[in-house]
């Protein structure tokens, strides 16, 4: 429904629907990415970053969401926050308590570790060359 509303330029209704989906299911990656794209379309990067941070609290190992967060930080010039995202992810990966979360959520250590390497490569290529 939200995609149809976006196509028909009913952005506020689409945002309301996506926020309702996220309130019912805080792990819905598609909903948060659509919501962030709406915020980007409206040039509201702060709200997009806030939505991704909220999602990240519930899903700390979701690499596509972390990549989108890094892109928004880069776009808004918040380069120091990019490094903190990577440091937090590295710390979370090596935390013994999170080892259980990784296995229970269907993410393996290897998958998240590969995602971390991808993010580091993205930062090295796109962010470090811009700063």
Protein backbone atom coordinates (compact mmCIF):
# COMPACT_ATOMS: atom_id res chain seq x y z
CA UNK A 1 0.00 0.00 0.00
CA UNK A 2 2.83 2.39 0.90
CA UNK A 3 4.46 1.92 -2.50
CA UNK A 4 1.20 2.77 -4.24
CA UNK A 5 0.82 5.87 -2.09
CA UNK A 6 4.36 6.94 -2.95
CA UNK A 7 3.69 6.54 -6.66
CA UNK A 8 0.55 8.64 -6.31
CA UNK A 9 2.51 11.29 -4.33
CA UNK A 10 0.58 10.79 -1.09
CA UNK A 11 3.76 11.03 0.94
CA UNK A 12 2.28 11.87 4.33
CA UNK A 13 -0.19 8.99 4.20
CA UNK A 14 2.59 6.66 3.05
CA UNK A 15 4.80 7.78 5.96
CA UNK A 16 1.95 7.19 8.40
CA UNK A 17 1.36 3.69 7.01
CA UNK A 18 5.07 2.82 7.14
CA UNK A 19 5.37 4.11 10.71
CA UNK A 20 2.36 1.99 11.65
CA UNK A 21 4.03 -1.07 10.14
CA UNK A 22 7.22 -0.32 12.06
CA UNK A 23 5.30 0.13 15.30
CA UNK A 24 3.83 -3.36 14.84
CA UNK A 25 7.00 -4.96 13.50
CA UNK A 26 10.21 -3.19 14.43
CA UNK A 27 12.25 -5.63 12.35
CA UNK A 28 10.71 -4.81 8.95
CA UNK A 29 13.69 -3.70 6.88
CA UNK A 30 11.61 -2.89 3.78
CA UNK A 31 9.37 -0.52 5.72
CA UNK A 32 12.24 1.42 7.25
CA UNK A 33 14.07 1.68 3.93
CA UNK A 34 10.93 2.98 2.18
CA UNK A 35 10.38 5.46 5.00
CA UNK A 36 13.98 6.68 4.78
CA UNK A 37 13.68 7.05 1.02
CA UNK A 38 10.62 9.23 1.58
CA UNK A 39 12.56 11.39 4.01
CA UNK A 40 15.43 11.67 1.53
CA UNK A 41 12.97 12.65 -1.20
CA UNK A 42 11.68 15.41 1.06
CA UNK A 43 15.25 16.50 1.93
CA UNK A 44 14.67 15.61 5.59
CA UNK A 45 17.92 13.82 6.36
CA UNK A 46 17.57 14.27 10.14
CA UNK A 47 14.34 12.28 10.21
CA UNK A 48 15.87 9.62 7.97
CA UNK A 49 18.86 9.29 10.27
CA UNK A 50 16.57 9.12 13.31
CA UNK A 51 14.50 6.35 11.72
CA UNK A 52 17.60 4.34 10.89
CA UNK A 53 19.05 4.81 14.38
CA UNK A 54 15.80 3.60 15.93
CA UNK A 55 15.79 0.57 13.63
CA UNK A 56 19.45 -0.09 14.40
CA UNK A 57 18.72 -0.28 18.12
CA UNK A 58 16.46 -3.26 17.47
CA UNK A 59 18.58 -4.73 14.65
CA UNK A 60 22.23 -3.87 15.32
CA UNK A 61 23.60 -6.33 12.75
CA UNK A 62 21.51 -5.30 9.73
CA UNK A 63 24.20 -4.35 7.21
CA UNK A 64 21.94 -2.78 4.52
CA UNK A 65 20.46 -0.45 7.13
CA UNK A 66 23.93 0.40 8.45
CA UNK A 67 25.07 1.15 4.91
CA UNK A 68 22.12 3.48 4.37
CA UNK A 69 22.89 5.18 7.70
CA UNK A 70 26.51 5.68 6.65
CA UNK A 71 25.37 7.13 3.32
CA UNK A 72 23.11 9.61 5.12
CA UNK A 73 25.88 10.56 7.52
CA UNK A 74 28.16 11.14 4.54
CA UNK A 75 25.53 13.17 2.73
CA UNK A 76 24.93 15.36 5.78
CA UNK A 77 28.65 15.78 6.55
CA UNK A 78 28.60 13.84 9.82
CA UNK A 79 31.85 11.98 9.20
CA UNK A 80 32.63 11.43 12.89
CA UNK A 81 29.39 9.45 13.27
CA UNK A 82 30.46 7.09 10.49
CA UNK A 83 33.50 5.96 12.46
CA UNK A 84 31.39 5.50 15.59
CA UNK A 85 28.95 3.22 13.71
CA UNK A 86 31.81 0.96 12.69
CA UNK A 87 33.32 0.95 16.19
CA UNK A 88 29.94 0.07 17.71
CA UNK A 89 29.43 -2.75 15.21
CA UNK A 90 32.90 -4.15 15.89
CA UNK A 91 32.28 -4.02 19.64
CA UNK A 92 28.87 -5.67 19.24
CA UNK A 93 30.29 -8.48 17.12
CA UNK A 94 32.92 -9.35 19.70
CA UNK A 95 30.57 -9.10 22.69
CA UNK A 96 29.82 -12.61 24.02
CA UNK A 97 26.21 -11.70 24.83
CA UNK A 98 25.60 -10.76 21.20
CA UNK A 99 26.89 -14.12 20.01
CA UNK A 100 23.57 -15.63 21.09
CA UNK A 101 21.63 -12.86 19.34
CA UNK A 102 23.55 -13.49 16.13
CA UNK A 103 22.65 -17.16 16.10
CA UNK A 104 19.04 -16.68 17.23
CA UNK A 105 18.22 -14.02 14.62
CA UNK A 106 19.42 -16.10 11.70
CA UNK A 107 22.59 -14.06 11.29
CA UNK A 108 25.85 -15.89 11.60
CA UNK A 109 29.08 -14.39 12.82
CA UNK A 110 30.57 -14.88 9.35
CA UNK A 111 27.72 -13.06 7.63
CA UNK A 112 27.97 -10.04 9.93
CA UNK A 113 31.75 -10.11 9.71
CA UNK A 114 31.58 -10.01 5.91
CA UNK A 115 29.13 -7.13 6.16
CA UNK A 116 31.53 -5.29 8.44
CA UNK A 117 34.33 -5.72 5.91
CA UNK A 118 32.04 -4.45 3.16
CA UNK A 119 31.17 -1.37 5.21
CA UNK A 120 34.83 -0.70 5.95
CA UNK A 121 35.62 -0.96 2.24
CA UNK A 122 32.76 1.40 1.38
CA UNK A 123 34.02 3.91 3.93
CA UNK A 124 37.58 3.59 2.72
CA UNK A 125 36.58 4.11 -0.89
CA UNK A 126 33.83 6.71 -0.71
CA UNK A 127 34.15 8.50 2.62
CA UNK A 128 37.89 8.67 3.24
CA UNK A 129 38.43 9.95 -0.29
CA UNK A 130 35.88 12.75 0.25
CA UNK A 131 36.96 13.91 3.70
